[in-house]
C-alpha atoms as a PDB file:
ATOM      1  CA  MET A   1      -3.910  -0.413 -24.975  1.00  0.00           C
ATOM      2  CA  GLY A   2      -3.674   2.428 -22.684  1.00  0.00           C
ATOM      3  CA  ILE A   3      -1.609   3.866 -19.935  1.00  0.00           C
ATOM      4  CA  VAL A   4      -0.456   0.880 -17.823  1.00  0.00           C
ATOM      5  CA  ILE A   5       2.046   0.919 -14.445  1.00  0.00           C
ATOM      6  CA  ASP A   6       4.505  -1.910 -14.015  1.00  0.00           C
ATOM      7  CA  GLN A   7       2.954  -2.760 -10.800  1.00  0.00           C
ATOM      8  CA  ASP A   8       7.015  -4.599  -9.953  1.00  0.00           C
ATOM      9  CA  GLU A   9       8.448  -1.538 -10.591  1.00  0.00           C
ATOM     10  CA  CYS A  10       6.131   1.138  -8.840  1.00  0.00           C
ATOM     11  CA  ILE A  11       8.053   2.212  -5.942  1.00  0.00           C
ATOM     12  CA  GLY A  12       5.214   3.959  -4.531  1.00  0.00           C
ATOM     13  CA  CYS A  13       7.100   7.482  -4.729  1.00  0.00           C
ATOM     14  CA  GLU A  14       3.410   9.259  -5.615  1.00  0.00           C
ATOM     15  CA  SER A  15       4.877  11.555  -8.323  1.00  0.00           C
ATOM     16  CA  CYS A  16       2.901  10.358 -10.844  1.00  0.00           C
ATOM     17  CA  VAL A  17      -0.072  11.239  -8.878  1.00  0.00           C
ATOM     18  CA  GLU A  18       1.073  14.370  -7.951  1.00  0.00           C
ATOM     19  CA  ILE A  19       1.845  15.348 -11.398  1.00  0.00           C
ATOM     20  CA  CYS A  20      -1.182  14.108 -12.854  1.00  0.00           C
ATOM     21  CA  PRO A  21      -4.029  13.156 -10.652  1.00  0.00           C
ATOM     22  CA  GLU A  22      -6.924  13.005 -12.890  1.00  0.00           C
ATOM     23  CA  VAL A  23      -5.231   9.655 -14.522  1.00  0.00           C
ATOM     24  CA  PHE A  24      -3.376   8.762 -11.287  1.00  0.00           C
ATOM     25  CA  GLU A  25      -4.283   7.413  -7.630  1.00  0.00           C
ATOM     26  CA  MET A  26      -2.646   5.478  -4.816  1.00  0.00           C
ATOM     27  CA  ASP A  27      -4.050   2.216  -4.223  1.00  0.00           C
ATOM     28  CA  GLU A  28      -5.734   1.297  -1.481  1.00  0.00           C
ATOM     29  CA  ASP A  29      -3.173   0.750   0.811  1.00  0.00           C
ATOM     30  CA  GLY A  30      -1.335   3.867  -0.089  1.00  0.00           C
ATOM     31  CA  GLU A  31       1.827   1.631  -1.820  1.00  0.00           C
ATOM     32  CA  LYS A  32       1.644   1.769  -5.314  1.00  0.00           C
ATOM     33  CA  ALA A  33       0.369   4.149  -8.137  1.00  0.00           C
ATOM     34  CA  THR A  34      -2.310   2.867 -10.309  1.00  0.00           C
ATOM     35  CA  VAL A  35      -4.329   4.418 -13.609  1.00  0.00           C
ATOM     36  CA  ILE A  36      -7.723   5.311 -12.790  1.00  0.00           C
ATOM     37  CA  ASN A  37      -8.101   6.862 -16.795  1.00  0.00           C
ATOM     38  CA  PRO A  38      -6.271   4.576 -19.425  1.00  0.00           C
ATOM     39  CA  ASP A  39      -7.093   6.453 -22.109  1.00  0.00           C
ATOM     40  CA  ALA A  40      -6.499   9.721 -21.014  1.00  0.00           C
ATOM     41  CA  THR A  41      -4.629  11.903 -23.575  1.00  0.00           C
ATOM     42  CA  ALA A  42      -3.740  14.787 -21.481  1.00  0.00           C
ATOM     43  CA  ASP A  43      -0.225  16.822 -21.314  1.00  0.00           C
ATOM     44  CA  CYS A  44       0.409  15.684 -17.973  1.00  0.00           C
ATOM     45  CA  VAL A  45       0.847  12.305 -18.978  1.00  0.00           C
ATOM     46  CA  ASP A  46       3.761  12.350 -20.431  1.00  0.00           C
ATOM     47  CA  GLU A  47       5.401  14.426 -17.783  1.00  0.00           C
ATOM     48  CA  ALA A  48       4.562  12.121 -15.333  1.00  0.00           C
ATOM     49  CA  ILE A  49       5.931   9.041 -17.752  1.00  0.00           C
ATOM     50  CA  GLU A  50       9.337  11.196 -17.711  1.00  0.00           C
ATOM     51  CA  THR A  51       8.945  11.922 -13.689  1.00  0.00           C
ATOM     52  CA  CYS A  52       8.995   8.525 -12.973  1.00  0.00           C
ATOM     53  CA  PRO A  53      12.178   7.354 -11.372  1.00  0.00           C
ATOM     54  CA  ASN A  54      12.143   3.546 -12.207  1.00  0.00           C
ATOM     55  CA  GLU A  55      10.347   3.730 -15.661  1.00  0.00           C
ATOM     56  CA  ALA A  56       7.440   2.159 -14.627  1.00  0.00           C
ATOM     57  CA  ILE A  57       4.934   3.849 -16.628  1.00  0.00           C
ATOM     58  CA  SER A  58       4.455   3.063 -20.301  1.00  0.00           C
ATOM     59  CA  LYS A  59       1.598   3.970 -22.709  1.00  0.00           C
END
């Protein structure tokens, strides 16, 4: 399944994008984060999951 962001829970704080830009980016509207590399194994993914204020990221 890979890395997933619950779009209903994402508040667009951009913390995951700042921590792990090779896996996350903001959508076209700049309102929500999206996953650009769902199969990534980078160490920063776990940090992004832990940092998400709404716990919107899972893997």
